[in-house]
């Protein structure tokens, strides 16, 4: 597999105004589990509890310190999603992210996007504005990916 896109420092197209975007378009720099946003056990606990509330995820607080999917495998990064099918697909196609794929949006990506998009209506009423900003908005990436495809 050609991993020429693996290093975000070599490929500034991953950066948008200093904000890191993952292979799937998630806004890593705004994700509350991203390494730059985790400063304490209280931060980890907040992510753990809120992801459980919104998504039903039970990610142990001890692993909430994600390096993101741009970090090369040989640097042994911590990734919340583990071995991500989307990341693997993008790397196999030698693309920076899904928005550059001729097949976007494929079934795999539609399922990924739906994991966030389906909770939005409920979260508008059950989440605080801060929770919505921190735990929904970083993952609403369809518009970004579609705009990238149309460039």
N, C-alpha and C. Protein backbone atom coordinates (compact mmCIF):
# COMPACT_ATOMS: atom_id res chain seq x y z
N UNK A 1 0.84 -1.18 0.00
CA UNK A 1 0.00 0.00 0.00
C UNK A 1 0.89 1.24 0.00
N UNK A 2 0.58 2.16 -0.91
CA UNK A 2 1.32 3.41 -0.97
C UNK A 2 0.84 4.31 0.15
N UNK A 3 1.72 4.71 1.03
CA UNK A 3 1.33 5.53 2.18
C UNK A 3 1.89 6.94 2.05
N UNK A 4 2.00 7.43 0.82
CA UNK A 4 2.58 8.76 0.63
C UNK A 4 1.74 9.87 1.26
N UNK A 5 0.48 9.63 1.50
CA UNK A 5 -0.37 10.64 2.14
C UNK A 5 -0.40 10.51 3.65
N UNK A 6 0.37 9.61 4.24
CA UNK A 6 0.25 9.35 5.67
C UNK A 6 0.73 10.48 6.56
N UNK A 7 1.61 11.29 6.12
CA UNK A 7 2.18 12.28 7.03
C UNK A 7 1.58 13.65 6.78
N UNK A 8 0.79 14.15 7.71
CA UNK A 8 0.10 15.43 7.53
C UNK A 8 1.07 16.61 7.43
N UNK A 9 2.26 16.46 7.95
CA UNK A 9 3.21 17.56 7.87
C UNK A 9 3.76 17.70 6.44
N UNK A 10 3.81 16.61 5.69
CA UNK A 10 4.28 16.67 4.32
C UNK A 10 3.18 17.09 3.35
N UNK A 11 1.93 16.96 3.77
CA UNK A 11 0.81 17.24 2.89
C UNK A 11 -0.10 18.29 3.53
N UNK A 12 0.23 19.57 3.32
CA UNK A 12 -0.52 20.63 3.98
C UNK A 12 -1.99 20.69 3.55
N UNK A 13 -2.40 19.96 2.50
CA UNK A 13 -3.81 19.97 2.12
C UNK A 13 -4.69 19.35 3.21
N UNK A 14 -4.09 18.67 4.16
CA UNK A 14 -4.86 18.15 5.30
C UNK A 14 -5.24 19.25 6.25
N UNK A 15 -4.56 20.34 6.15
CA UNK A 15 -4.78 21.44 7.06
C UNK A 15 -5.68 22.47 6.39
N UNK A 16 -6.68 22.92 7.09
CA UNK A 16 -7.55 23.95 6.57
C UNK A 16 -7.58 25.05 7.61
N UNK A 17 -6.90 26.15 7.32
CA UNK A 17 -6.78 27.25 8.29
C UNK A 17 -6.23 26.74 9.62
N UNK A 18 -5.29 25.81 9.56
CA UNK A 18 -4.68 25.26 10.77
C UNK A 18 -5.49 24.17 11.43
N UNK A 19 -6.63 23.81 10.86
CA UNK A 19 -7.49 22.78 11.44
C UNK A 19 -7.29 21.45 10.72
N UNK A 20 -6.94 20.44 11.48
CA UNK A 20 -6.68 19.12 10.93
C UNK A 20 -7.99 18.43 10.60
N UNK A 21 -8.09 17.89 9.40
CA UNK A 21 -9.23 17.10 8.96
C UNK A 21 -8.77 15.67 8.79
N UNK A 22 -9.56 14.72 9.30
CA UNK A 22 -9.25 13.30 9.17
C UNK A 22 -9.54 12.79 7.76
N UNK A 23 -9.19 11.55 7.52
CA UNK A 23 -9.43 10.90 6.22
C UNK A 23 -10.91 10.90 5.85
N UNK A 24 -11.77 10.86 6.87
CA UNK A 24 -13.22 10.82 6.65
C UNK A 24 -13.81 12.23 6.64
N UNK A 25 -13.00 13.23 6.88
CA UNK A 25 -13.48 14.60 6.90
C UNK A 25 -13.79 15.13 8.28
N UNK A 26 -13.77 14.26 9.30
CA UNK A 26 -13.99 14.73 10.67
C UNK A 26 -12.99 15.84 10.97
N UNK A 27 -13.41 16.81 11.76
CA UNK A 27 -12.58 17.95 12.11
C UNK A 27 -11.78 17.61 13.37
N UNK A 28 -10.68 16.92 13.18
CA UNK A 28 -9.89 16.40 14.31
C UNK A 28 -9.53 17.48 15.32
N UNK A 29 -9.10 18.60 14.85
CA UNK A 29 -8.63 19.63 15.77
C UNK A 29 -9.75 20.11 16.69
N UNK A 30 -11.01 19.94 16.27
CA UNK A 30 -12.14 20.35 17.11
C UNK A 30 -12.72 19.19 17.91
N UNK A 31 -12.24 17.97 17.66
CA UNK A 31 -12.74 16.80 18.37
C UNK A 31 -12.28 16.84 19.83
N UNK A 32 -13.18 16.63 20.77
CA UNK A 32 -12.79 16.71 22.18
C UNK A 32 -11.84 15.60 22.62
N UNK A 33 -11.69 14.55 21.81
CA UNK A 33 -10.76 13.47 22.17
C UNK A 33 -9.40 13.63 21.50
N UNK A 34 -9.25 14.63 20.65
CA UNK A 34 -7.99 14.86 19.95
C UNK A 34 -6.91 15.26 20.96
N UNK A 35 -5.71 14.78 20.76
CA UNK A 35 -4.61 14.95 21.72
C UNK A 35 -4.41 16.39 22.20
N UNK A 36 -4.64 17.35 21.34
CA UNK A 36 -4.44 18.75 21.73
C UNK A 36 -5.56 19.28 22.61
N UNK A 37 -6.66 18.53 22.71
CA UNK A 37 -7.80 18.98 23.50
C UNK A 37 -7.96 18.25 24.83
N UNK A 38 -7.14 17.26 25.06
CA UNK A 38 -7.19 16.50 26.31
C UNK A 38 -6.08 17.00 27.22
N UNK A 39 -6.48 17.61 28.32
CA UNK A 39 -5.49 18.18 29.25
C UNK A 39 -5.55 17.57 30.64
N UNK A 40 -6.62 16.79 30.90
CA UNK A 40 -6.78 16.27 32.26
C UNK A 40 -7.70 15.05 32.26
N UNK A 41 -7.73 14.39 33.40
CA UNK A 41 -8.67 13.28 33.57
C UNK A 41 -10.12 13.78 33.48
N UNK A 42 -10.36 15.02 33.88
CA UNK A 42 -11.70 15.59 33.79
C UNK A 42 -12.13 15.71 32.32
N UNK A 43 -11.19 16.08 31.44
CA UNK A 43 -11.48 16.14 30.01
C UNK A 43 -11.85 14.75 29.48
N UNK A 44 -11.06 13.75 29.87
CA UNK A 44 -11.33 12.37 29.43
C UNK A 44 -12.70 11.90 29.93
N UNK A 45 -13.01 12.21 31.16
CA UNK A 45 -14.28 11.81 31.74
C UNK A 45 -15.44 12.48 31.01
N UNK A 46 -15.30 13.75 30.68
CA UNK A 46 -16.34 14.48 29.96
C UNK A 46 -16.60 13.83 28.60
N UNK A 47 -15.54 13.51 27.88
CA UNK A 47 -15.70 12.87 26.57
C UNK A 47 -16.37 11.51 26.73
N UNK A 48 -15.88 10.73 27.67
CA UNK A 48 -16.45 9.40 27.92
C UNK A 48 -17.95 9.49 28.19
N UNK A 49 -18.34 10.34 29.12
CA UNK A 49 -19.74 10.45 29.52
C UNK A 49 -20.63 11.00 28.40
N UNK A 50 -20.12 12.00 27.68
CA UNK A 50 -20.95 12.62 26.65
C UNK A 50 -21.06 11.74 25.41
N UNK A 51 -19.98 11.06 25.01
CA UNK A 51 -20.10 10.12 23.89
C UNK A 51 -21.08 9.01 24.23
N UNK A 52 -21.09 8.58 25.50
CA UNK A 52 -22.02 7.55 25.92
C UNK A 52 -23.45 8.08 25.84
N UNK A 53 -23.66 9.28 26.31
CA UNK A 53 -24.99 9.91 26.28
C UNK A 53 -25.50 10.08 24.85
N UNK A 54 -24.66 10.58 23.96
CA UNK A 54 -25.11 10.92 22.60
C UNK A 54 -25.10 9.71 21.67
N UNK A 55 -23.99 8.97 21.67
CA UNK A 55 -23.79 7.91 20.68
C UNK A 55 -23.93 6.50 21.24
N UNK A 56 -24.04 6.40 22.57
CA UNK A 56 -24.09 5.07 23.17
C UNK A 56 -22.74 4.38 23.17
N UNK A 57 -21.67 5.14 22.98
CA UNK A 57 -20.31 4.59 22.96
C UNK A 57 -19.78 4.45 24.38
N UNK A 58 -19.04 3.40 24.62
CA UNK A 58 -18.42 3.20 25.93
C UNK A 58 -16.91 3.11 25.76
N UNK A 59 -16.32 4.24 25.38
CA UNK A 59 -14.88 4.31 25.18
C UNK A 59 -14.24 4.63 26.52
N UNK A 60 -13.34 3.75 27.00
CA UNK A 60 -12.72 3.99 28.30
C UNK A 60 -11.97 5.33 28.34
N UNK A 61 -12.13 6.09 29.41
CA UNK A 61 -11.43 7.36 29.51
C UNK A 61 -9.92 7.23 29.33
N UNK A 62 -9.36 6.10 29.71
CA UNK A 62 -7.90 5.93 29.62
C UNK A 62 -7.37 5.97 28.19
N UNK A 63 -8.21 5.73 27.19
CA UNK A 63 -7.73 5.75 25.79
C UNK A 63 -8.12 7.03 25.06
N UNK A 64 -8.70 7.97 25.76
CA UNK A 64 -9.14 9.20 25.13
C UNK A 64 -8.01 10.22 25.08
N UNK A 65 -7.23 10.09 24.05
CA UNK A 65 -6.10 10.98 23.77
C UNK A 65 -5.65 10.65 22.35
N UNK A 66 -6.51 10.91 21.37
CA UNK A 66 -6.32 10.45 20.00
C UNK A 66 -5.28 11.27 19.24
N UNK A 67 -4.40 10.58 18.54
CA UNK A 67 -3.43 11.23 17.66
C UNK A 67 -4.02 11.55 16.29
N UNK A 68 -5.18 10.97 15.98
CA UNK A 68 -5.80 11.17 14.68
C UNK A 68 -5.30 10.16 13.66
N UNK A 69 -5.96 10.13 12.54
CA UNK A 69 -5.64 9.11 11.54
C UNK A 69 -4.55 9.54 10.57
N UNK A 70 -4.07 10.76 10.67
CA UNK A 70 -3.02 11.22 9.77
C UNK A 70 -1.63 10.79 10.20
N UNK A 71 -1.49 10.52 11.47
CA UNK A 71 -0.19 10.10 12.01
C UNK A 71 0.19 8.74 11.40
N UNK A 72 1.39 8.61 10.88
CA UNK A 72 1.80 7.34 10.26
C UNK A 72 1.79 6.16 11.23
N UNK A 73 1.45 4.99 10.72
CA UNK A 73 1.39 3.78 11.53
C UNK A 73 2.71 3.49 12.23
N UNK A 74 3.82 3.76 11.56
CA UNK A 74 5.12 3.40 12.15
C UNK A 74 5.46 4.25 13.38
N UNK A 75 4.66 5.28 13.65
CA UNK A 75 4.85 6.08 14.87
C UNK A 75 3.95 5.58 16.00
N UNK A 76 3.24 4.49 15.77
CA UNK A 76 2.37 3.84 16.76
C UNK A 76 1.39 4.82 17.40
N UNK A 77 0.59 5.48 16.58
CA UNK A 77 -0.36 6.45 17.14
C UNK A 77 -1.51 5.80 17.89
N UNK A 78 -2.09 6.58 18.79
CA UNK A 78 -3.31 6.17 19.47
C UNK A 78 -4.47 6.68 18.62
N UNK A 79 -5.34 5.77 18.21
CA UNK A 79 -6.50 6.15 17.41
C UNK A 79 -7.75 5.60 18.08
N UNK A 80 -8.70 6.45 18.33
CA UNK A 80 -9.94 6.03 18.98
C UNK A 80 -10.64 4.96 18.16
N UNK A 81 -10.68 5.13 16.86
CA UNK A 81 -11.38 4.18 15.99
C UNK A 81 -10.58 2.93 15.67
N UNK A 82 -9.38 2.82 16.16
CA UNK A 82 -8.55 1.65 15.86
C UNK A 82 -8.22 1.55 14.38
N UNK A 83 -8.36 0.36 13.84
CA UNK A 83 -8.06 0.11 12.43
C UNK A 83 -9.28 0.50 11.59
N UNK A 84 -9.34 1.72 11.15
CA UNK A 84 -10.50 2.29 10.48
C UNK A 84 -10.57 1.88 9.01
N UNK A 85 -11.71 1.34 8.62
CA UNK A 85 -11.92 0.92 7.23
C UNK A 85 -11.83 2.10 6.27
N UNK A 86 -12.34 3.24 6.69
CA UNK A 86 -12.30 4.42 5.82
C UNK A 86 -10.86 4.86 5.60
N UNK A 87 -10.11 4.93 6.66
CA UNK A 87 -8.69 5.32 6.54
C UNK A 87 -7.96 4.35 5.61
N UNK A 88 -8.17 3.06 5.81
CA UNK A 88 -7.50 2.06 4.97
C UNK A 88 -7.88 2.22 3.50
N UNK A 89 -9.15 2.47 3.23
CA UNK A 89 -9.61 2.65 1.86
C UNK A 89 -8.96 3.87 1.21
N UNK A 90 -8.94 4.98 1.94
CA UNK A 90 -8.35 6.22 1.42
C UNK A 90 -6.86 6.02 1.13
N UNK A 91 -6.15 5.35 2.04
CA UNK A 91 -4.73 5.11 1.82
C UNK A 91 -4.49 4.18 0.64
N UNK A 92 -5.32 3.15 0.50
CA UNK A 92 -5.19 2.24 -0.64
C UNK A 92 -5.38 2.97 -1.97
N UNK A 93 -6.24 3.97 -1.97
CA UNK A 93 -6.51 4.74 -3.19
C UNK A 93 -5.55 5.92 -3.35
N UNK A 94 -4.65 6.07 -2.38
CA UNK A 94 -3.66 7.15 -2.40
C UNK A 94 -4.31 8.53 -2.49
N UNK A 95 -5.33 8.73 -1.65
CA UNK A 95 -6.03 9.99 -1.58
C UNK A 95 -5.79 10.64 -0.22
N UNK A 96 -6.03 11.92 -0.14
CA UNK A 96 -5.90 12.61 1.14
C UNK A 96 -7.11 12.34 2.04
N UNK A 97 -8.31 12.27 1.44
CA UNK A 97 -9.53 12.03 2.20
C UNK A 97 -10.64 11.59 1.25
N UNK A 98 -11.74 11.17 1.83
CA UNK A 98 -12.87 10.62 1.06
C UNK A 98 -13.46 11.58 0.05
N UNK A 99 -13.43 12.86 0.33
CA UNK A 99 -14.01 13.83 -0.57
C UNK A 99 -13.35 13.86 -1.93
N UNK A 100 -12.16 13.30 -2.04
CA UNK A 100 -11.45 13.27 -3.31
C UNK A 100 -11.69 11.98 -4.09
N UNK A 101 -12.49 11.10 -3.54
CA UNK A 101 -12.75 9.80 -4.16
C UNK A 101 -13.89 9.90 -5.18
N UNK A 102 -13.71 9.28 -6.31
CA UNK A 102 -14.74 9.25 -7.35
C UNK A 102 -15.99 8.54 -6.87
N UNK A 103 -15.87 7.67 -5.89
CA UNK A 103 -17.00 6.90 -5.38
C UNK A 103 -17.73 7.58 -4.22
N UNK A 104 -17.26 8.74 -3.79
CA UNK A 104 -17.90 9.43 -2.67
C UNK A 104 -19.27 9.93 -3.06
N UNK A 105 -20.27 9.70 -2.22
CA UNK A 105 -20.27 8.95 -0.97
C UNK A 105 -20.62 7.49 -1.20
N UNK A 106 -19.76 6.60 -0.82
CA UNK A 106 -19.97 5.16 -0.95
C UNK A 106 -20.79 4.66 0.25
N UNK A 107 -21.15 3.39 0.22
CA UNK A 107 -21.94 2.81 1.32
C UNK A 107 -21.19 2.90 2.65
N UNK A 108 -19.90 2.64 2.63
CA UNK A 108 -19.10 2.71 3.86
C UNK A 108 -19.15 4.11 4.44
N UNK A 109 -18.98 5.10 3.60
CA UNK A 109 -18.99 6.48 4.07
C UNK A 109 -20.39 6.91 4.50
N UNK A 110 -21.41 6.46 3.80
CA UNK A 110 -22.78 6.80 4.20
C UNK A 110 -23.09 6.28 5.61
N UNK A 111 -22.66 5.06 5.91
CA UNK A 111 -22.87 4.52 7.26
C UNK A 111 -22.12 5.35 8.29
N UNK A 112 -20.91 5.76 7.96
CA UNK A 112 -20.08 6.57 8.84
C UNK A 112 -20.75 7.93 9.10
N UNK A 113 -21.20 8.58 8.05
CA UNK A 113 -21.86 9.88 8.20
C UNK A 113 -23.16 9.76 8.99
N UNK A 114 -23.89 8.69 8.74
CA UNK A 114 -25.17 8.48 9.42
C UNK A 114 -24.99 8.30 10.92
N UNK A 115 -23.84 7.78 11.35
CA UNK A 115 -23.61 7.58 12.78
C UNK A 115 -23.69 8.90 13.54
N UNK A 116 -23.42 10.00 12.88
CA UNK A 116 -23.53 11.32 13.50
C UNK A 116 -24.83 12.00 13.08
N UNK A 117 -25.11 11.99 11.80
CA UNK A 117 -26.26 12.73 11.29
C UNK A 117 -27.60 12.28 11.90
N UNK A 118 -27.71 11.01 12.25
CA UNK A 118 -28.97 10.51 12.80
C UNK A 118 -29.22 10.99 14.23
N UNK A 119 -28.19 11.38 14.95
CA UNK A 119 -28.39 11.86 16.33
C UNK A 119 -28.63 13.36 16.41
N UNK A 120 -28.44 14.07 15.32
CA UNK A 120 -28.54 15.52 15.34
C UNK A 120 -29.91 16.01 15.82
N UNK A 121 -31.04 15.51 15.28
CA UNK A 121 -32.33 16.03 15.75
C UNK A 121 -32.55 15.87 17.26
N UNK A 122 -32.22 14.71 17.79
CA UNK A 122 -32.39 14.48 19.23
C UNK A 122 -31.45 15.38 20.04
N UNK A 123 -30.23 15.54 19.56
CA UNK A 123 -29.24 16.34 20.31
C UNK A 123 -29.59 17.81 20.34
N UNK A 124 -30.29 18.28 19.34
CA UNK A 124 -30.69 19.70 19.36
C UNK A 124 -31.56 20.01 20.58
N UNK A 125 -32.30 19.01 21.05
CA UNK A 125 -33.16 19.26 22.22
C UNK A 125 -32.58 18.70 23.52
N UNK A 126 -31.73 17.67 23.44
CA UNK A 126 -31.25 17.04 24.67
C UNK A 126 -29.84 17.45 25.08
N UNK A 127 -29.13 18.13 24.22
CA UNK A 127 -27.75 18.54 24.53
C UNK A 127 -27.69 20.04 24.77
N UNK A 128 -26.74 20.42 25.59
CA UNK A 128 -26.49 21.85 25.76
C UNK A 128 -25.84 22.38 24.49
N UNK A 129 -25.88 23.69 24.27
CA UNK A 129 -25.19 24.25 23.10
C UNK A 129 -23.70 23.88 23.07
N UNK A 130 -23.07 23.82 24.24
CA UNK A 130 -21.65 23.46 24.30
C UNK A 130 -21.44 22.01 23.90
N UNK A 131 -22.32 21.12 24.37
CA UNK A 131 -22.21 19.71 23.99
C UNK A 131 -22.41 19.54 22.48
N UNK A 132 -23.38 20.25 21.91
CA UNK A 132 -23.61 20.16 20.48
C UNK A 132 -22.37 20.64 19.72
N UNK A 133 -21.83 21.77 20.13
CA UNK A 133 -20.63 22.32 19.49
C UNK A 133 -19.45 21.35 19.58
N UNK A 134 -19.25 20.77 20.76
CA UNK A 134 -18.07 19.94 20.99
C UNK A 134 -18.22 18.49 20.53
N UNK A 135 -19.44 17.95 20.54
CA UNK A 135 -19.61 16.52 20.31
C UNK A 135 -20.41 16.16 19.06
N UNK A 136 -20.93 17.16 18.38
CA UNK A 136 -21.63 16.92 17.12
C UNK A 136 -20.94 17.64 15.96
N UNK A 137 -20.73 18.92 16.11
CA UNK A 137 -20.20 19.71 15.00
C UNK A 137 -18.87 19.22 14.42
N UNK A 138 -17.91 18.75 15.23
CA UNK A 138 -16.65 18.29 14.62
C UNK A 138 -16.83 17.12 13.65
N UNK A 139 -17.95 16.42 13.77
CA UNK A 139 -18.16 15.21 12.98
C UNK A 139 -19.16 15.40 11.84
N UNK A 140 -19.70 16.59 11.71
CA UNK A 140 -20.60 16.89 10.59
C UNK A 140 -19.74 17.31 9.41
N UNK A 141 -19.40 16.36 8.57
CA UNK A 141 -18.38 16.63 7.55
C UNK A 141 -18.88 16.44 6.11
N UNK A 142 -20.14 16.11 5.93
CA UNK A 142 -20.64 15.86 4.57
C UNK A 142 -20.43 17.09 3.66
N UNK A 143 -20.81 18.25 4.15
CA UNK A 143 -20.68 19.48 3.35
C UNK A 143 -19.21 19.73 2.97
N UNK A 144 -18.31 19.55 3.91
CA UNK A 144 -16.88 19.74 3.64
C UNK A 144 -16.41 18.78 2.55
N UNK A 145 -16.74 17.50 2.69
CA UNK A 145 -16.30 16.50 1.71
C UNK A 145 -16.91 16.75 0.33
N UNK A 146 -18.18 17.15 0.29
CA UNK A 146 -18.81 17.44 -1.00
C UNK A 146 -18.16 18.65 -1.65
N UNK A 147 -17.79 19.65 -0.87
CA UNK A 147 -17.12 20.82 -1.43
C UNK A 147 -15.74 20.47 -1.96
N UNK A 148 -15.06 19.54 -1.29
CA UNK A 148 -13.75 19.08 -1.75
C UNK A 148 -13.87 18.31 -3.06
N UNK A 149 -14.92 17.52 -3.19
CA UNK A 149 -15.14 16.72 -4.39
C UNK A 149 -15.38 17.64 -5.59
N UNK A 150 -16.02 18.77 -5.35
CA UNK A 150 -16.39 19.68 -6.43
C UNK A 150 -15.31 20.70 -6.78
N UNK A 151 -14.16 20.61 -6.15
CA UNK A 151 -13.06 21.55 -6.44
C UNK A 151 -12.44 21.24 -7.77
